[in-house]
Protein backbone atom coordinates (compact mmCIF):
# COMPACT_ATOMS: atom_id res chain seq x y z
CA MET A 1 -8.25 6.05 44.38
CA GLY A 2 -7.99 4.54 40.90
CA LEU A 3 -8.76 7.86 39.24
CA LYS A 4 -6.16 9.60 41.37
CA THR A 5 -3.52 7.05 40.37
CA ALA A 6 -4.49 7.25 36.70
CA SER A 7 -4.43 11.04 36.85
CA GLY A 8 -0.91 10.99 38.32
CA LEU A 9 0.33 8.63 35.63
CA VAL A 10 -1.21 10.70 32.84
CA SER A 11 0.30 13.88 34.32
CA ALA A 12 3.77 12.33 34.50
CA ALA A 13 3.50 11.01 30.94
CA THR A 14 2.37 14.42 29.69
CA SER A 15 5.30 16.15 31.40
CA TRP A 16 7.78 13.64 29.95
CA THR A 17 6.27 13.99 26.46
CA ARG A 18 6.37 17.78 26.58
CA ALA A 19 9.95 17.81 27.86
CA ARG A 20 11.05 15.46 25.05
CA ALA A 21 9.29 17.65 22.46
CA TYR A 22 11.01 20.76 23.87
CA VAL A 23 14.46 19.14 23.79
CA LYS A 24 13.85 17.90 20.24
CA ALA A 25 12.89 21.42 19.09
CA ALA A 26 15.86 22.94 20.95
CA ASN A 27 18.20 20.45 19.29
CA GLU A 28 16.89 21.29 15.82
CA GLU A 29 16.83 25.06 16.28
CA ILE A 30 19.71 25.78 18.67
CA PHE A 31 22.15 22.94 19.25
CA LEU A 32 22.48 21.00 15.96
CA PRO A 33 23.39 24.12 13.91
CA GLN A 34 26.31 24.57 16.34
CA GLY A 35 27.36 20.93 16.07
CA LEU A 36 25.98 20.13 19.54
CA ARG A 37 23.20 17.91 20.84
CA CYS A 38 21.14 17.98 24.03
CA LYS A 39 19.94 14.71 25.49
CA MET A 40 17.48 14.01 28.33
CA LEU A 41 18.61 11.35 30.78
CA LYS A 42 17.39 10.17 34.14
CA THR A 43 19.83 10.82 36.98
CA GLN A 44 21.38 7.31 37.04
CA LYS A 45 22.07 7.30 33.29
CA MET A 46 23.35 10.89 33.41
CA MET A 47 25.84 10.00 36.16
CA VAL A 48 27.19 7.15 34.00
CA ALA A 49 27.33 9.41 30.93
CA VAL A 50 29.43 12.02 32.73
CA GLY A 51 31.75 9.41 34.22
CA HIS A 52 30.40 9.25 37.76
CA GLY A 53 28.27 6.11 37.56
CA ASP A 54 29.55 4.71 40.84
CA MET A 55 28.66 7.86 42.80
CA ILE A 56 25.37 9.08 44.24
CA LEU A 57 24.24 12.58 43.32
CA GLN A 58 24.41 14.68 46.48
CA LEU A 59 22.52 17.98 46.66
CA PRO A 60 22.30 20.17 49.76
CA PRO A 61 18.98 20.36 51.62
CA LEU A 62 16.51 22.82 50.17
CA ASP A 63 16.08 24.69 53.44
CA ARG A 64 19.78 25.10 54.28
CA LEU A 65 22.70 26.55 52.38
CA ASP A 66 26.32 26.00 53.30
CA GLN A 67 28.58 29.04 53.68
CA ARG A 68 30.42 27.88 50.57
CA ASP A 69 27.26 28.02 48.46
CA VAL A 70 26.22 31.00 46.42
CA GLN A 71 23.62 33.33 47.93
CA ILE A 72 19.97 32.33 47.75
CA GLY A 73 18.54 33.20 44.38
CA GLY A 74 21.99 33.44 42.81
CA LYS A 75 23.07 31.82 39.60
CA ASP A 76 24.15 28.56 41.27
CA ASP A 77 21.48 28.41 44.00
CA PRO A 78 21.36 24.69 44.92
CA ARG A 79 17.60 24.87 45.41
CA MET A 80 17.18 25.99 41.81
CA ARG A 81 19.55 23.25 40.61
CA ARG A 82 17.39 20.70 42.39
CA VAL A 83 14.19 22.09 40.82
CA LYS A 84 15.78 21.90 37.36
CA LEU A 85 16.59 18.21 37.85
């Protein structure tokens, strides 16, 4: 059980480290030359940063799409938005 827990923690730390390295490289190569900057935030901090700190992020269920949503697999597929978060 201890090894499983340690493995999970190491996996999460590795993912976070790789994501930070990717964003850093993207900032240097893509965004900063355009006068922009990309920043990684957890959901709570992101909601505050975009001016919705008092709201809860609501995403539709993965197995159901509302009629108003874009078709499955489309550009704004809510399932893909959730995966990207």
